[in-house]
Amino acid sequence: MLTIKEVIVVEGKTDVATLSNIIKAEFIITNGFEISDETIDLIKKVNETKGVILFLDPDGPGEKIRMKIMNKIPNLKHAFVNPKYAKKGKKLGVAETDKEHILEALENLVTLKEREISITYLDFYNLGLVGFPNTLEKRLKIEDYFRIGHGSAKTCLKRLNMLGVTLDELKEVLKTIWK
C-alpha cells in the first residue's frame, strides 16, 4: 500500500473510503462546496507543516472547491483524474475512480502557482485549441500530457499558465502529440 506523507483534501466520506483501500494517508473532507472558513484555515496550517494534495472530483463543483481553496492558499499540490476514468453509472468523482487511475493521479502531482500570463486566448486560437472542430480532442491531449485534469478551454489555458508553460513549450508539445 502506497503511503502519502501529505494530507489529502477530498470532498466527502466516500472519497476517503475509496482512497483508504488503496493508500495510507490522512484526509481532510471539505463537505462539498460549502467548505467552512475553519476547514480552509486547517488546510492552510497543514500545508505549512505536512503539505496538502487537493484530490477533488473532476466536475464543476470539484473545480469550484479547488478554486475556492487556491484563492486562499497558494502553492498546493493537485491530483487530477480524467473524467472518463472517474465514472460509475451516473456518478462522477474520485470515489468512482479505479485503483490504477488513482495511483496514476497521485504519482503525477501538479503544483499550480500564481498565474503569470505566458499563453493568451488568442494563442490558443492560433494553435487550434479553441474555435475549430477538433479543438476538444487537441485540448484533451494537452491536458493528459501536462496532467492538469479536464476543463473548459479557459480552465486549460489558466492551468497551463499556472504551471508556467510557455508558448514555445506548448508548440513543441503539440508537435509531438498531434501528428
Protein backbone atom coordinates (compact mmCIF):
# COMPACT_ATOMS: atom_id res chain seq x y z
CA MET A 1 0.00 0.00 0.00
CA LEU A 2 1.33 3.40 -1.03
CA THR A 3 1.96 5.83 1.86
CA ILE A 4 1.37 9.53 1.19
CA LYS A 5 3.10 11.95 3.57
CA GLU A 6 0.94 14.95 2.65
CA VAL A 7 -2.65 15.32 3.81
CA ILE A 8 -5.18 14.73 1.04
CA VAL A 9 -8.17 17.05 0.73
CA VAL A 10 -11.28 15.36 -0.69
CA GLU A 11 -14.93 16.29 -0.98
CA GLY A 12 -16.60 13.57 1.05
CA LYS A 13 -16.56 10.39 3.12
CA THR A 14 -16.92 8.09 0.11
CA ASP A 15 -13.70 9.54 -1.32
CA VAL A 16 -11.92 8.75 1.96
CA ALA A 17 -13.34 5.21 1.97
CA THR A 18 -12.19 4.57 -1.62
CA LEU A 19 -8.74 6.07 -1.15
CA SER A 20 -8.17 4.32 2.20
CA ASN A 21 -8.45 0.97 0.42
CA ILE A 22 -5.62 1.98 -1.92
CA ILE A 23 -3.29 4.28 0.02
CA LYS A 24 -2.24 5.09 3.56
CA ALA A 25 -2.80 8.81 4.21
CA GLU A 26 -4.53 11.40 6.34
CA PHE A 27 -7.53 13.23 4.91
CA ILE A 28 -9.46 16.47 5.26
CA ILE A 29 -13.05 16.44 3.99
CA THR A 30 -14.45 19.66 2.51
CA ASN A 31 -18.09 18.54 2.70
CA GLY A 32 -18.59 19.83 -0.82
CA PHE A 33 -18.67 23.46 -1.90
CA GLU A 34 -19.91 24.62 1.48
CA ILE A 35 -16.35 24.33 2.80
CA SER A 36 -16.09 26.35 6.01
CA ASP A 37 -13.53 29.01 6.84
CA GLU A 38 -12.37 26.75 9.67
CA THR A 39 -11.65 23.95 7.19
CA ILE A 40 -9.76 26.33 4.92
CA ASP A 41 -7.73 27.53 7.94
CA LEU A 42 -6.96 23.90 8.81
CA ILE A 43 -5.84 23.18 5.23
CA LYS A 44 -3.59 26.26 5.37
CA LYS A 45 -1.96 25.18 8.66
CA VAL A 46 -1.49 21.60 7.48
CA ASN A 47 0.01 22.81 4.21
CA GLU A 48 2.64 24.76 6.16
CA THR A 49 3.69 21.68 8.16
CA LYS A 50 2.98 18.49 6.18
CA GLY A 51 1.87 19.66 2.76
CA VAL A 52 -1.52 19.21 1.11
CA ILE A 53 -2.76 17.48 -2.02
CA LEU A 54 -6.11 18.57 -3.45
CA PHE A 55 -7.79 15.48 -4.90
CA LEU A 56 -11.23 16.69 -5.89
CA ASP A 57 -13.88 15.40 -8.26
CA PRO A 58 -13.28 16.18 -11.96
CA ASP A 59 -16.55 18.09 -12.31
CA GLY A 60 -17.87 21.64 -11.97
CA PRO A 61 -18.38 21.56 -8.19
CA GLY A 62 -14.94 19.99 -7.68
CA GLU A 63 -13.38 22.75 -9.76
CA LYS A 64 -15.21 25.43 -7.75
CA ILE A 65 -13.94 23.93 -4.50
CA ARG A 66 -10.41 23.77 -5.92
CA MET A 67 -10.56 27.45 -6.93
CA LYS A 68 -12.04 28.50 -3.58
CA ILE A 69 -9.15 26.81 -1.75
CA MET A 70 -6.49 28.02 -4.20
CA ASN A 71 -7.67 31.61 -3.84
CA LYS A 72 -6.81 31.45 -0.13
CA ILE A 73 -3.83 29.06 -0.08
CA PRO A 74 -1.03 29.25 -2.69
CA ASN A 75 1.31 26.50 -3.91
CA LEU A 76 -0.79 23.43 -3.19
CA LYS A 77 -0.23 20.12 -4.91
CA HIS A 78 -3.02 18.82 -7.14
CA ALA A 79 -4.00 15.33 -8.20
CA PHE A 80 -6.26 15.15 -11.25
CA VAL A 81 -8.16 12.20 -12.66
CA ASN A 82 -9.52 12.23 -16.17
CA PRO A 83 -13.35 12.26 -16.05
CA LYS A 84 -13.52 9.30 -18.44
CA TYR A 85 -11.86 7.14 -15.74
CA ALA A 86 -13.91 8.57 -12.88
CA LYS A 87 -17.39 7.36 -13.81
CA LYS A 88 -19.62 4.63 -12.44
CA GLY A 89 -23.14 4.79 -13.77
CA LYS A 90 -24.31 8.38 -13.48
CA LYS A 91 -21.78 9.28 -10.75
CA LEU A 92 -18.54 11.10 -11.49
CA GLY A 93 -15.83 11.52 -8.89
CA VAL A 94 -12.75 10.36 -7.04
CA ALA A 95 -14.78 7.63 -5.30
CA GLU A 96 -15.78 6.24 -8.69
CA THR A 97 -12.19 6.07 -9.99
CA ASP A 98 -10.39 2.74 -10.22
CA LYS A 99 -7.17 2.00 -8.34
CA GLU A 100 -4.91 2.30 -11.39
CA HIS A 101 -6.02 5.84 -12.19
CA ILE A 102 -6.00 6.96 -8.57
CA LEU A 103 -2.38 5.83 -8.22
CA GLU A 104 -1.51 7.47 -11.56
CA ALA A 105 -3.01 10.78 -10.37
CA LEU A 106 -1.04 10.60 -7.09
CA GLU A 107 2.20 9.76 -8.91
CA ASN A 108 1.79 12.76 -11.23
CA LEU A 109 1.06 15.64 -8.91
CA VAL A 110 0.99 19.17 -10.27
CA THR A 111 1.78 22.37 -8.39
CA LEU A 112 -0.13 25.35 -9.74
CA LYS A 113 1.41 28.69 -8.87
CA GLU A 114 0.21 32.25 -9.08
CA ARG A 115 -0.85 32.89 -12.61
CA GLU A 116 1.60 34.53 -14.96
CA ILE A 117 0.23 35.01 -18.43
CA SER A 118 2.59 33.47 -20.97
CA ILE A 119 -0.08 31.98 -23.22
CA THR A 120 -3.10 34.03 -24.29
CA TYR A 121 -6.54 33.03 -25.50
CA LEU A 122 -5.51 34.32 -28.95
CA ASP A 123 -2.51 31.94 -28.82
CA PHE A 124 -4.94 29.12 -28.05
CA TYR A 125 -6.99 30.09 -31.11
CA ASN A 126 -3.92 30.35 -33.35
CA LEU A 127 -2.77 26.90 -32.20
CA GLY A 128 -6.18 25.41 -32.99
CA LEU A 129 -7.01 24.73 -29.33
CA VAL A 130 -10.24 26.73 -29.41
CA GLY A 131 -12.73 27.71 -32.11
CA PHE A 132 -12.26 24.78 -34.51
CA PRO A 133 -13.97 21.39 -34.95
CA ASN A 134 -11.26 19.23 -33.34
CA THR A 135 -10.23 21.62 -30.55
CA LEU A 136 -11.60 19.48 -27.73
CA GLU A 137 -9.62 16.46 -28.91
CA LYS A 138 -6.43 18.55 -29.02
CA ARG A 139 -7.03 20.06 -25.58
CA LEU A 140 -7.68 16.62 -24.09
CA LYS A 141 -4.26 15.51 -25.33
CA ILE A 142 -2.66 18.64 -23.85
CA GLU A 143 -4.47 18.11 -20.54
CA ASP A 144 -3.33 14.49 -20.42
CA TYR A 145 0.24 15.41 -21.33
CA PHE A 146 0.54 18.01 -18.56
CA ARG A 147 -1.76 16.03 -16.19
CA ILE A 148 -3.85 19.08 -15.38
CA GLY A 149 -7.29 17.50 -15.40
CA HIS A 150 -10.08 18.23 -17.81
CA GLY A 151 -11.85 21.54 -18.02
CA SER A 152 -13.07 24.15 -20.45
CA ALA A 153 -10.70 25.93 -22.83
CA LYS A 154 -10.39 28.77 -20.30
CA THR A 155 -9.60 26.32 -17.48
CA CYS A 156 -6.98 24.55 -19.59
CA LEU A 157 -5.39 27.90 -20.51
CA LYS A 158 -5.41 29.07 -16.89
CA ARG A 159 -3.79 25.84 -15.65
CA LEU A 160 -1.09 25.90 -18.33
CA ASN A 161 -0.24 29.47 -17.30
CA MET A 162 -0.24 28.47 -13.63
CA LEU A 163 2.19 25.67 -14.46
CA GLY A 164 4.42 28.22 -16.14
CA VAL A 165 4.21 26.57 -19.56
CA THR A 166 5.49 28.95 -22.24
CA LEU A 167 4.05 29.37 -25.71
CA ASP A 168 7.16 27.79 -27.23
CA GLU A 169 6.88 24.77 -24.89
CA LEU A 170 3.23 24.35 -25.81
CA LYS A 171 4.06 24.49 -29.53
CA GLU A 172 6.73 21.79 -29.07
CA VAL A 173 4.35 19.56 -27.13
CA LEU A 174 1.70 19.99 -29.81
CA LYS A 175 4.22 18.89 -32.47
CA THR A 176 4.93 15.66 -30.56
CA ILE A 177 1.41 14.70 -29.53
CA TRP A 178 -0.58 15.95 -32.51
CA LYS A 179 0.62 14.42 -35.72
